[in-house]
Amino acid sequence: MLYFDTSFLTPLILEEDTSAKVETFLTGLPAGELAISHWTRTEFASLLAREVRMRTLSPGDAWAALAQFDRLTAESFHVLTPHAADFDLATEYPKHHETGLRAGDALHLAIARNHGAHICYSLDQGLLKAARLLGLSASRGIEP
C-alpha cells in the first residue's frame, strides 16, 4: 500500500507548480495500491476553507474543488479510517522533539505505519524530515 498525505494530492485539484508532475507520477503507480485517510479529506476541506477566508478562492470554487477531491478519492484510493492506535502513535511521534512534527503530520505518519503502508508520499519537507528521523519510509515522489 502507498499512502498519500494532503500536500501530495492538493496539486491534482488546485493548480500548483507541481500539478503536472504529481499527475504523471500517480498515473504510473499500480491500481489498487493507493491509500489516503479520512484525515486527508478533513485537511483538504480545511485548506479550502483557509483559501476562502483569504479570498483566493470563492466559496463556490471551494465546493467544486471538494467535490472533485471526493470523486478522485472514491475512484482511485482506499480511504483508511483512523483508529485509537493511530492517535496513540501520533501522540508519541512529536515527543521526539527533533522531528518538529505538527499534529496533523504525526497523524498521517501514524496512520501510514499502523495500516501497513510501504511508503508515505508527501510534498511537505517537514513531514519528510520527521519521517527520516523516525525511521519511517517517506518520499517526495517527484523532483522539486
C-alpha atoms as a PDB file:
ATOM      1  CA  MET A   1       0.000   0.000   0.000  1.00  0.00           C
ATOM      2  CA  LEU A   2       1.152   3.523  -0.858  1.00  0.00           C
ATOM      3  CA  TYR A   3      -0.101   6.290   1.436  1.00  0.00           C
ATOM      4  CA  PHE A   4      -0.504   9.913   0.308  1.00  0.00           C
ATOM      5  CA  ASP A   5      -0.841  12.956   2.525  1.00  0.00           C
ATOM      6  CA  THR A   6      -2.830  16.052   1.678  1.00  0.00           C
ATOM      7  CA  SER A   7       0.113  18.040   0.319  1.00  0.00           C
ATOM      8  CA  PHE A   8       0.714  15.426  -2.369  1.00  0.00           C
ATOM      9  CA  LEU A   9      -2.893  15.361  -3.595  1.00  0.00           C
ATOM     10  CA  THR A  10      -3.681  19.073  -3.448  1.00  0.00           C
ATOM     11  CA  PRO A  11      -1.908  19.838  -6.767  1.00  0.00           C
ATOM     12  CA  LEU A  12      -4.294  17.436  -8.505  1.00  0.00           C
ATOM     13  CA  ILE A  13      -7.204  19.720  -7.611  1.00  0.00           C
ATOM     14  CA  LEU A  14      -5.697  23.192  -7.196  1.00  0.00           C
ATOM     15  CA  GLU A  15      -3.239  24.336  -9.853  1.00  0.00           C
ATOM     16  CA  GLU A  16       0.316  24.451  -8.487  1.00  0.00           C
ATOM     17  CA  ASP A  17       3.802  24.272  -9.999  1.00  0.00           C
ATOM     18  CA  THR A  18       3.905  20.553  -9.181  1.00  0.00           C
ATOM     19  CA  SER A  19       0.479  19.665 -10.641  1.00  0.00           C
ATOM     20  CA  ALA A  20       1.700  18.037 -13.879  1.00  0.00           C
ATOM     21  CA  LYS A  21       4.481  16.109 -12.118  1.00  0.00           C
ATOM     22  CA  VAL A  22       2.120  14.774  -9.443  1.00  0.00           C
ATOM     23  CA  GLU A  23      -0.414  13.675 -12.056  1.00  0.00           C
ATOM     24  CA  THR A  24       2.255  11.923 -14.139  1.00  0.00           C
ATOM     25  CA  PHE A  25       3.682  10.213 -11.059  1.00  0.00           C
ATOM     26  CA  LEU A  26       0.315   8.904  -9.892  1.00  0.00           C
ATOM     27  CA  THR A  27      -0.647   7.527 -13.301  1.00  0.00           C
ATOM     28  CA  GLY A  28       2.466   5.329 -13.214  1.00  0.00           C
ATOM     29  CA  LEU A  29       1.536   3.623  -9.943  1.00  0.00           C
ATOM     30  CA  PRO A  30      -0.257   0.277  -9.613  1.00  0.00           C
ATOM     31  CA  ALA A  31      -4.037   0.494  -9.362  1.00  0.00           C
ATOM     32  CA  GLY A  32      -5.446  -0.679  -6.075  1.00  0.00           C
ATOM     33  CA  GLU A  33      -2.340   0.251  -4.070  1.00  0.00           C
ATOM     34  CA  LEU A  34      -3.146   3.913  -3.360  1.00  0.00           C
ATOM     35  CA  ALA A  35      -4.438   4.990   0.043  1.00  0.00           C
ATOM     36  CA  ILE A  36      -5.358   8.101   1.969  1.00  0.00           C
ATOM     37  CA  SER A  37      -7.195   8.512   5.265  1.00  0.00           C
ATOM     38  CA  HIS A  38     -10.317  10.291   6.366  1.00  0.00           C
ATOM     39  CA  TRP A  39      -7.894  12.755   7.970  1.00  0.00           C
ATOM     40  CA  THR A  40      -6.706  13.687   4.458  1.00  0.00           C
ATOM     41  CA  ARG A  41     -10.209  14.784   3.487  1.00  0.00           C
ATOM     42  CA  THR A  42     -10.509  16.843   6.692  1.00  0.00           C
ATOM     43  CA  GLU A  43      -7.203  18.572   5.982  1.00  0.00           C
ATOM     44  CA  PHE A  44      -8.186  19.263   2.383  1.00  0.00           C
ATOM     45  CA  ALA A  45     -11.504  20.797   3.469  1.00  0.00           C
ATOM     46  CA  SER A  46      -9.620  22.944   5.984  1.00  0.00           C
ATOM     47  CA  LEU A  47      -7.187  24.072   3.285  1.00  0.00           C
ATOM     48  CA  LEU A  48     -10.105  25.100   1.063  1.00  0.00           C
ATOM     49  CA  ALA A  49     -11.762  26.991   3.936  1.00  0.00           C
ATOM     50  CA  ARG A  50      -8.500  28.865   4.515  1.00  0.00           C
ATOM     51  CA  GLU A  51      -8.338  29.823   0.834  1.00  0.00           C
ATOM     52  CA  VAL A  52     -11.915  31.134   1.003  1.00  0.00           C
ATOM     53  CA  ARG A  53     -11.111  33.163   4.153  1.00  0.00           C
ATOM     54  CA  MET A  54      -8.058  34.611   2.401  1.00  0.00           C
ATOM     55  CA  ARG A  55     -10.252  35.390  -0.615  1.00  0.00           C
ATOM     56  CA  THR A  56      -8.033  33.435  -3.019  1.00  0.00           C
ATOM     57  CA  LEU A  57     -10.886  31.013  -3.713  1.00  0.00           C
ATOM     58  CA  SER A  58     -14.617  31.647  -3.932  1.00  0.00           C
ATOM     59  CA  PRO A  59     -16.976  29.551  -1.823  1.00  0.00           C
ATOM     60  CA  GLY A  60     -18.422  28.023  -4.994  1.00  0.00           C
ATOM     61  CA  ASP A  61     -14.968  27.090  -6.273  1.00  0.00           C
ATOM     62  CA  ALA A  62     -14.142  25.573  -2.880  1.00  0.00           C
ATOM     63  CA  TRP A  63     -17.271  23.390  -3.008  1.00  0.00           C
ATOM     64  CA  ALA A  64     -16.396  22.332  -6.551  1.00  0.00           C
ATOM     65  CA  ALA A  65     -12.813  21.507  -5.522  1.00  0.00           C
ATOM     66  CA  LEU A  66     -14.042  19.400  -2.592  1.00  0.00           C
ATOM     67  CA  ALA A  67     -16.449  17.532  -4.879  1.00  0.00           C
ATOM     68  CA  GLN A  68     -13.613  16.906  -7.338  1.00  0.00           C
ATOM     69  CA  PHE A  69     -11.397  15.671  -4.478  1.00  0.00           C
ATOM     70  CA  ASP A  70     -14.157  13.333  -3.303  1.00  0.00           C
ATOM     71  CA  ARG A  71     -14.602  11.911  -6.830  1.00  0.00           C
ATOM     72  CA  LEU A  72     -10.854  11.414  -7.210  1.00  0.00           C
ATOM     73  CA  THR A  73     -10.507   9.629  -3.898  1.00  0.00           C
ATOM     74  CA  ALA A  74     -13.585   7.446  -4.443  1.00  0.00           C
ATOM     75  CA  GLU A  75     -12.308   6.356  -7.864  1.00  0.00           C
ATOM     76  CA  SER A  76      -8.615   5.894  -7.106  1.00  0.00           C
ATOM     77  CA  PHE A  77      -7.856   5.496  -3.392  1.00  0.00           C
ATOM     78  CA  HIS A  78      -8.591   3.239  -0.461  1.00  0.00           C
ATOM     79  CA  VAL A  79      -9.735   5.530   2.358  1.00  0.00           C
ATOM     80  CA  LEU A  80      -8.382   4.402   5.726  1.00  0.00           C
ATOM     81  CA  THR A  81     -10.247   5.114   8.937  1.00  0.00           C
ATOM     82  CA  PRO A  82      -8.008   6.291  11.784  1.00  0.00           C
ATOM     83  CA  HIS A  83      -8.321   4.234  14.967  1.00  0.00           C
ATOM     84  CA  ALA A  84      -7.364   4.894  18.582  1.00  0.00           C
ATOM     85  CA  ALA A  85      -3.983   3.223  17.975  1.00  0.00           C
ATOM     86  CA  ASP A  86      -3.277   5.770  15.231  1.00  0.00           C
ATOM     87  CA  PHE A  87      -3.965   8.649  17.588  1.00  0.00           C
ATOM     88  CA  ASP A  88      -1.853   6.980  20.284  1.00  0.00           C
ATOM     89  CA  LEU A  89       1.115   6.641  17.925  1.00  0.00           C
ATOM     90  CA  ALA A  90       0.572  10.178  16.618  1.00  0.00           C
ATOM     91  CA  THR A  91       0.844  11.331  20.239  1.00  0.00           C
ATOM     92  CA  GLU A  92       4.184   9.535  20.613  1.00  0.00           C
ATOM     93  CA  TYR A  93       5.868  10.879  17.465  1.00  0.00           C
ATOM     94  CA  PRO A  94       6.078  14.573  18.491  1.00  0.00           C
ATOM     95  CA  LYS A  95       7.729  13.520  21.762  1.00  0.00           C
ATOM     96  CA  HIS A  96      10.817  13.169  19.570  1.00  0.00           C
ATOM     97  CA  HIS A  97      11.238  16.941  19.639  1.00  0.00           C
ATOM     98  CA  GLU A  98      13.907  16.977  16.962  1.00  0.00           C
ATOM     99  CA  THR A  99      11.269  15.959  14.404  1.00  0.00           C
ATOM    100  CA  GLY A 100       9.381  19.239  14.740  1.00  0.00           C
ATOM    101  CA  LEU A 101       6.205  17.320  13.931  1.00  0.00           C
ATOM    102  CA  ARG A 102       2.835  19.019  13.992  1.00  0.00           C
ATOM    103  CA  ALA A 103      -0.251  17.064  15.000  1.00  0.00           C
ATOM    104  CA  GLY A 104      -1.648  16.564  11.501  1.00  0.00           C
ATOM    105  CA  ASP A 105       1.620  15.291  10.075  1.00  0.00           C
ATOM    106  CA  ALA A 106       2.120  12.979  13.050  1.00  0.00           C
ATOM    107  CA  LEU A 107      -1.333  11.546  12.408  1.00  0.00           C
ATOM    108  CA  HIS A 108      -0.565  10.948   8.704  1.00  0.00           C
ATOM    109  CA  LEU A 109       2.634   9.096   9.602  1.00  0.00           C
ATOM    110  CA  ALA A 110       0.926   7.064  12.319  1.00  0.00           C
ATOM    111  CA  ILE A 111      -1.929   6.029  10.023  1.00  0.00           C
ATOM    112  CA  ALA A 112       0.513   5.054   7.270  1.00  0.00           C
ATOM    113  CA  ARG A 113       2.611   2.967   9.657  1.00  0.00           C
ATOM    114  CA  ASN A 114      -0.229   1.298  11.529  1.00  0.00           C
ATOM    115  CA  HIS A 115      -2.120   0.395   8.364  1.00  0.00           C
ATOM    116  CA  GLY A 116       0.903  -1.199   6.688  1.00  0.00           C
ATOM    117  CA  ALA A 117       1.808   1.380   4.063  1.00  0.00           C
ATOM    118  CA  HIS A 118       5.117   0.645   2.365  1.00  0.00           C
ATOM    119  CA  ILE A 119       5.765   4.363   1.946  1.00  0.00           C
ATOM    120  CA  CYS A 120       4.177   7.734   2.655  1.00  0.00           C
ATOM    121  CA  TYR A 121       4.287  10.276  -0.170  1.00  0.00           C
ATOM    122  CA  SER A 122       4.311  13.944   0.757  1.00  0.00           C
ATOM    123  CA  LEU A 123       5.453  17.272  -0.634  1.00  0.00           C
ATOM    124  CA  ASP A 124       5.812  18.600   2.922  1.00  0.00           C
ATOM    125  CA  GLN A 125       9.520  18.887   3.722  1.00  0.00           C
ATOM    126  CA  GLY A 126       8.818  18.932   7.461  1.00  0.00           C
ATOM    127  CA  LEU A 127       6.918  15.651   7.307  1.00  0.00           C
ATOM    128  CA  LEU A 128       9.632  14.066   5.166  1.00  0.00           C
ATOM    129  CA  LYS A 129      12.363  15.158   7.587  1.00  0.00           C
ATOM    130  CA  ALA A 130      10.392  13.840  10.562  1.00  0.00           C
ATOM    131  CA  ALA A 131       9.789  10.513   8.829  1.00  0.00           C
ATOM    132  CA  ARG A 132      13.525  10.099   8.209  1.00  0.00           C
ATOM    133  CA  LEU A 133      14.316  10.884  11.859  1.00  0.00           C
ATOM    134  CA  LEU A 134      11.711   8.345  12.991  1.00  0.00           C
ATOM    135  CA  GLY A 135      12.988   5.680  10.607  1.00  0.00           C
ATOM    136  CA  LEU A 136       9.789   5.682   8.538  1.00  0.00           C
ATOM    137  CA  SER A 137       9.639   5.277   4.783  1.00  0.00           C
ATOM    138  CA  ALA A 138       8.574   8.518   3.119  1.00  0.00           C
ATOM    139  CA  SER A 139       9.315  10.224  -0.167  1.00  0.00           C
ATOM    140  CA  ARG A 140       8.570  13.321  -2.181  1.00  0.00           C
ATOM    141  CA  GLY A 141       7.999  11.034  -5.163  1.00  0.00           C
ATOM    142  CA  ILE A 142       8.655  13.785  -7.709  1.00  0.00           C
ATOM    143  CA  GLU A 143      11.598  16.026  -8.446  1.00  0.00           C
ATOM    144  CA  PRO A 144      11.400  19.506  -6.900  1.00  0.00           C
END
